[in-house]
Amino acid sequence: MQNEIFIIMIITLLVGISFILDKNKTLQGLKNGAKHLHKILPEFLLLLIFVSVFLSLVSQSTLVGLLGRESGPFGIMIAAGIGSIALIPGAIAYPLAGELMRQGASYTILATFITTLMMVGILTFPVERKYLGNRLAILRNVMSFIGALLISVLVGVLL
């Protein structure tokens, strides 16, 4: 809790300095931030409800069994599959990963989930195909998937 208070104090100080330096830009930035928050809030609340229900229905031992340190390649593939399919903004994915970490998920699993989530887009594939063409969209997703798995292996080796 102390870290959060410290961060809030730093942000407040920086916004105050920004306000003193350029009142109009600061107010415009705060308005833009509020607009983005308003856009993401329904998704965030829905995901928060989903995660809360999921974590209440799935025991910690099951979650740790599926995504924990002992889950091995099976856990990595589950995380890679979920990350590749899910369409979750980073602002929501990182707190979710933090909660999974508190529940016992391994760093390798979390790295797999986050990197596939950010790099691979199964749900966004139709849009990619429209703009990039079928071959390039497939190539981009396959290379991103391989890259995400390499990153997760590297994280597993280093941590």
C-alpha atoms as a PDB file:
ATOM      1  CA  MET A   1       0.000   0.000   0.000  1.00  0.00           C
ATOM      2  CA  GLN A   2       2.911   2.341   0.681  1.00  0.00           C
ATOM      3  CA  ASN A   3       4.153   1.984  -2.901  1.00  0.00           C
ATOM      4  CA  GLU A   4       0.745   2.999  -4.242  1.00  0.00           C
ATOM      5  CA  ILE A   5       0.640   6.070  -2.012  1.00  0.00           C
ATOM      6  CA  PHE A   6       4.152   7.027  -3.121  1.00  0.00           C
ATOM      7  CA  ILE A   7       3.213   6.663  -6.791  1.00  0.00           C
ATOM      8  CA  ILE A   8       0.061   8.750  -6.299  1.00  0.00           C
ATOM      9  CA  MET A   9       2.109  11.461  -4.596  1.00  0.00           C
ATOM     10  CA  ILE A  10       4.654  11.514  -7.450  1.00  0.00           C
ATOM     11  CA  ILE A  11       1.896  11.660 -10.081  1.00  0.00           C
ATOM     12  CA  THR A  12       0.140  14.469  -8.223  1.00  0.00           C
ATOM     13  CA  LEU A  13       3.396  16.406  -7.973  1.00  0.00           C
ATOM     14  CA  LEU A  14       4.164  15.945 -11.678  1.00  0.00           C
ATOM     15  CA  VAL A  15       0.642  16.954 -12.731  1.00  0.00           C
ATOM     16  CA  GLY A  16       0.960  20.014 -10.497  1.00  0.00           C
ATOM     17  CA  ILE A  17       4.268  20.980 -12.114  1.00  0.00           C
ATOM     18  CA  SER A  18       2.771  20.404 -15.563  1.00  0.00           C
ATOM     19  CA  PHE A  19      -0.208  22.586 -14.631  1.00  0.00           C
ATOM     20  CA  ILE A  20       2.109  25.394 -13.541  1.00  0.00           C
ATOM     21  CA  LEU A  21       4.165  25.139 -16.746  1.00  0.00           C
ATOM     22  CA  ASP A  22       1.224  24.911 -19.183  1.00  0.00           C
ATOM     23  CA  LYS A  23      -2.299  24.986 -17.808  1.00  0.00           C
ATOM     24  CA  ASN A  24      -4.039  24.376 -21.155  1.00  0.00           C
ATOM     25  CA  LYS A  25      -1.940  21.369 -22.187  1.00  0.00           C
ATOM     26  CA  THR A  26      -2.333  19.817 -18.754  1.00  0.00           C
ATOM     27  CA  LEU A  27      -6.105  20.231 -18.783  1.00  0.00           C
ATOM     28  CA  GLN A  28      -6.266  18.832 -22.323  1.00  0.00           C
ATOM     29  CA  GLY A  29      -4.142  15.858 -21.266  1.00  0.00           C
ATOM     30  CA  LEU A  30      -6.380  15.202 -18.261  1.00  0.00           C
ATOM     31  CA  LYS A  31      -9.481  15.400 -20.499  1.00  0.00           C
ATOM     32  CA  ASN A  32      -7.916  12.961 -22.978  1.00  0.00           C
ATOM     33  CA  GLY A  33      -7.009  10.615 -20.136  1.00  0.00           C
ATOM     34  CA  ALA A  34     -10.556  10.770 -18.773  1.00  0.00           C
ATOM     35  CA  LYS A  35     -11.931   9.957 -22.251  1.00  0.00           C
ATOM     36  CA  HIS A  36      -9.657   6.926 -22.568  1.00  0.00           C
ATOM     37  CA  LEU A  37     -10.566   5.806 -19.055  1.00  0.00           C
ATOM     38  CA  HIS A  38     -14.250   6.149 -19.917  1.00  0.00           C
ATOM     39  CA  LYS A  39     -13.703   3.976 -23.026  1.00  0.00           C
ATOM     40  CA  ILE A  40     -11.768   1.241 -21.241  1.00  0.00           C
ATOM     41  CA  LEU A  41     -13.760   1.199 -17.994  1.00  0.00           C
ATOM     42  CA  PRO A  42     -16.611  -1.080 -19.190  1.00  0.00           C
ATOM     43  CA  GLU A  43     -14.114  -3.641 -20.532  1.00  0.00           C
ATOM     44  CA  PHE A  44     -12.033  -3.371 -17.393  1.00  0.00           C
ATOM     45  CA  LEU A  45     -15.008  -3.845 -15.080  1.00  0.00           C
ATOM     46  CA  LEU A  46     -16.291  -6.778 -17.118  1.00  0.00           C
ATOM     47  CA  LEU A  47     -12.885  -8.424 -17.046  1.00  0.00           C
ATOM     48  CA  LEU A  48     -12.526  -7.710 -13.329  1.00  0.00           C
ATOM     49  CA  ILE A  49     -15.874  -9.420 -12.723  1.00  0.00           C
ATOM     50  CA  PHE A  50     -14.876 -12.328 -14.970  1.00  0.00           C
ATOM     51  CA  VAL A  51     -11.521 -12.787 -13.230  1.00  0.00           C
ATOM     52  CA  SER A  52     -13.116 -12.510  -9.784  1.00  0.00           C
ATOM     53  CA  VAL A  53     -15.744 -15.137 -10.623  1.00  0.00           C
ATOM     54  CA  PHE A  54     -13.124 -17.354 -12.267  1.00  0.00           C
ATOM     55  CA  LEU A  55     -10.775 -17.133  -9.271  1.00  0.00           C
ATOM     56  CA  SER A  56     -13.631 -17.851  -6.865  1.00  0.00           C
ATOM     57  CA  LEU A  57     -14.756 -20.929  -8.841  1.00  0.00           C
ATOM     58  CA  VAL A  58     -11.313 -22.346  -9.569  1.00  0.00           C
ATOM     59  CA  SER A  59      -9.343 -23.419  -6.545  1.00  0.00           C
ATOM     60  CA  GLN A  60      -5.872 -22.058  -6.060  1.00  0.00           C
ATOM     61  CA  SER A  61      -4.445 -25.564  -6.256  1.00  0.00           C
ATOM     62  CA  THR A  62      -6.089 -26.094  -9.672  1.00  0.00           C
ATOM     63  CA  LEU A  63      -4.822 -22.751 -10.940  1.00  0.00           C
ATOM     64  CA  VAL A  64      -1.325 -23.477  -9.691  1.00  0.00           C
ATOM     65  CA  GLY A  65      -1.549 -26.949 -11.253  1.00  0.00           C
ATOM     66  CA  LEU A  66      -2.480 -25.476 -14.649  1.00  0.00           C
ATOM     67  CA  LEU A  67      -0.277 -22.392 -14.639  1.00  0.00           C
ATOM     68  CA  GLY A  68       2.206 -22.923 -11.807  1.00  0.00           C
ATOM     69  CA  ARG A  69       5.884 -23.707 -11.824  1.00  0.00           C
ATOM     70  CA  GLU A  70       5.232 -27.436 -12.043  1.00  0.00           C
ATOM     71  CA  SER A  71       2.841 -27.227 -15.028  1.00  0.00           C
ATOM     72  CA  GLY A  72       5.717 -27.366 -17.509  1.00  0.00           C
ATOM     73  CA  PRO A  73       5.075 -27.296 -21.260  1.00  0.00           C
ATOM     74  CA  PHE A  74       1.346 -27.955 -20.738  1.00  0.00           C
ATOM     75  CA  GLY A  75       0.983 -24.718 -18.747  1.00  0.00           C
ATOM     76  CA  ILE A  76       2.992 -22.803 -21.326  1.00  0.00           C
ATOM     77  CA  MET A  77       0.699 -24.032 -24.109  1.00  0.00           C
ATOM     78  CA  ILE A  78      -2.431 -23.126 -22.109  1.00  0.00           C
ATOM     79  CA  ALA A  79      -1.048 -19.622 -21.507  1.00  0.00           C
ATOM     80  CA  ALA A  80      -0.007 -19.307 -25.166  1.00  0.00           C
ATOM     81  CA  GLY A  81      -3.446 -20.380 -26.359  1.00  0.00           C
ATOM     82  CA  ILE A  82      -5.314 -18.010 -24.062  1.00  0.00           C
ATOM     83  CA  GLY A  83      -2.939 -15.151 -24.855  1.00  0.00           C
ATOM     84  CA  SER A  84      -3.198 -15.709 -28.609  1.00  0.00           C
ATOM     85  CA  ILE A  85      -6.987 -15.731 -28.581  1.00  0.00           C
ATOM     86  CA  ALA A  86      -7.776 -13.134 -25.925  1.00  0.00           C
ATOM     87  CA  LEU A  87      -8.335  -9.532 -26.903  1.00  0.00           C
ATOM     88  CA  ILE A  88      -7.361  -7.724 -23.713  1.00  0.00           C
ATOM     89  CA  PRO A  89      -5.735  -4.277 -23.544  1.00  0.00           C
ATOM     90  CA  GLY A  90      -2.370  -4.103 -21.792  1.00  0.00           C
ATOM     91  CA  ALA A  91      -3.833  -1.865 -19.085  1.00  0.00           C
ATOM     92  CA  ILE A  92      -6.006  -4.804 -18.060  1.00  0.00           C
ATOM     93  CA  ALA A  93      -3.614  -7.652 -18.885  1.00  0.00           C
ATOM     94  CA  TYR A  94      -0.805  -6.545 -16.592  1.00  0.00           C
ATOM     95  CA  PRO A  95      -2.942  -6.368 -13.419  1.00  0.00           C
ATOM     96  CA  LEU A  96      -4.431  -9.726 -14.398  1.00  0.00           C
ATOM     97  CA  ALA A  97      -0.918 -11.166 -14.724  1.00  0.00           C
ATOM     98  CA  GLY A  98      -0.080  -9.722 -11.309  1.00  0.00           C
ATOM     99  CA  GLU A  99      -3.074 -11.488  -9.800  1.00  0.00           C
ATOM    100  CA  LEU A 100      -2.105 -14.749 -11.513  1.00  0.00           C
ATOM    101  CA  MET A 101       1.404 -14.336 -10.110  1.00  0.00           C
ATOM    102  CA  ARG A 102      -0.014 -13.882  -6.597  1.00  0.00           C
ATOM    103  CA  GLN A 103      -2.010 -17.077  -7.172  1.00  0.00           C
ATOM    104  CA  GLY A 104       1.186 -18.987  -7.997  1.00  0.00           C
ATOM    105  CA  ALA A 105       1.623 -18.751 -11.765  1.00  0.00           C
ATOM    106  CA  SER A 106       5.244 -19.005 -12.868  1.00  0.00           C
ATOM    107  CA  TYR A 107       7.199 -16.227 -14.579  1.00  0.00           C
ATOM    108  CA  THR A 108       7.512 -18.369 -17.694  1.00  0.00           C
ATOM    109  CA  ILE A 109       3.743 -18.822 -17.885  1.00  0.00           C
ATOM    110  CA  LEU A 110       3.135 -15.104 -17.318  1.00  0.00           C
ATOM    111  CA  ALA A 111       5.713 -14.178 -19.958  1.00  0.00           C
ATOM    112  CA  THR A 112       4.022 -16.557 -22.393  1.00  0.00           C
ATOM    113  CA  PHE A 113       0.582 -15.133 -21.646  1.00  0.00           C
ATOM    114  CA  ILE A 114       1.607 -11.472 -21.920  1.00  0.00           C
ATOM    115  CA  THR A 115       3.811 -11.830 -25.006  1.00  0.00           C
ATOM    116  CA  THR A 116       1.254 -13.860 -26.957  1.00  0.00           C
ATOM    117  CA  LEU A 117      -1.460 -11.461 -25.835  1.00  0.00           C
ATOM    118  CA  MET A 118       0.458  -8.471 -27.144  1.00  0.00           C
ATOM    119  CA  MET A 119       2.022 -10.068 -30.242  1.00  0.00           C
ATOM    120  CA  VAL A 120      -0.433 -12.644 -31.614  1.00  0.00           C
ATOM    121  CA  GLY A 121      -3.911 -11.757 -32.812  1.00  0.00           C
ATOM    122  CA  ILE A 122      -6.243 -14.613 -33.651  1.00  0.00           C
ATOM    123  CA  LEU A 123      -9.336 -12.468 -33.053  1.00  0.00           C
ATOM    124  CA  THR A 124      -7.837  -9.562 -34.970  1.00  0.00           C
ATOM    125  CA  PHE A 125      -6.732 -11.768 -37.867  1.00  0.00           C
ATOM    126  CA  PRO A 126      -9.611 -10.752 -40.188  1.00  0.00           C
ATOM    127  CA  VAL A 127      -8.622  -7.093 -39.883  1.00  0.00           C
ATOM    128  CA  GLU A 128      -4.950  -7.910 -40.387  1.00  0.00           C
ATOM    129  CA  ARG A 129      -5.799 -10.007 -43.444  1.00  0.00           C
ATOM    130  CA  LYS A 130      -7.763  -7.101 -44.892  1.00  0.00           C
ATOM    131  CA  TYR A 131      -4.843  -4.676 -44.576  1.00  0.00           C
ATOM    132  CA  LEU A 132      -1.814  -6.969 -44.882  1.00  0.00           C
ATOM    133  CA  GLY A 133      -3.128  -9.742 -47.080  1.00  0.00           C
ATOM    134  CA  ASN A 134      -3.639 -13.360 -46.077  1.00  0.00           C
ATOM    135  CA  ARG A 135      -0.029 -14.528 -46.469  1.00  0.00           C
ATOM    136  CA  LEU A 136       1.555 -11.647 -44.567  1.00  0.00           C
ATOM    137  CA  ALA A 137      -1.055 -11.765 -41.785  1.00  0.00           C
ATOM    138  CA  ILE A 138      -0.429 -15.489 -41.292  1.00  0.00           C
ATOM    139  CA  LEU A 139       3.344 -15.000 -41.413  1.00  0.00           C
ATOM    140  CA  ARG A 140       3.163 -12.150 -38.895  1.00  0.00           C
ATOM    141  CA  ASN A 141       1.105 -14.198 -36.449  1.00  0.00           C
ATOM    142  CA  VAL A 142       3.208 -17.350 -36.794  1.00  0.00           C
ATOM    143  CA  MET A 143       6.464 -15.413 -36.349  1.00  0.00           C
ATOM    144  CA  SER A 144       4.975 -13.530 -33.399  1.00  0.00           C
ATOM    145  CA  PHE A 145       3.879 -16.796 -31.799  1.00  0.00           C
ATOM    146  CA  ILE A 146       7.341 -18.301 -32.215  1.00  0.00           C
ATOM    147  CA  GLY A 147       8.919 -15.101 -30.886  1.00  0.00           C
ATOM    148  CA  ALA A 148       6.600 -15.114 -27.878  1.00  0.00           C
ATOM    149  CA  LEU A 149       7.529 -18.706 -27.074  1.00  0.00           C
ATOM    150  CA  LEU A 150      11.248 -17.897 -27.393  1.00  0.00           C
ATOM    151  CA  ILE A 151      10.796 -14.937 -25.040  1.00  0.00           C
ATOM    152  CA  SER A 152       8.999 -17.113 -22.504  1.00  0.00           C
ATOM    153  CA  VAL A 153      11.752 -19.750 -22.650  1.00  0.00           C
ATOM    154  CA  LEU A 154      14.339 -17.017 -22.138  1.00  0.00           C
ATOM    155  CA  VAL A 155      12.411 -15.695 -19.136  1.00  0.00           C
ATOM    156  CA  GLY A 156      12.216 -19.240 -17.777  1.00  0.00           C
ATOM    157  CA  VAL A 157      15.958 -19.701 -18.120  1.00  0.00           C
ATOM    158  CA  LEU A 158      16.819 -16.307 -16.609  1.00  0.00           C
ATOM    159  CA  LEU A 159      14.312 -16.390 -13.773  1.00  0.00           C
END
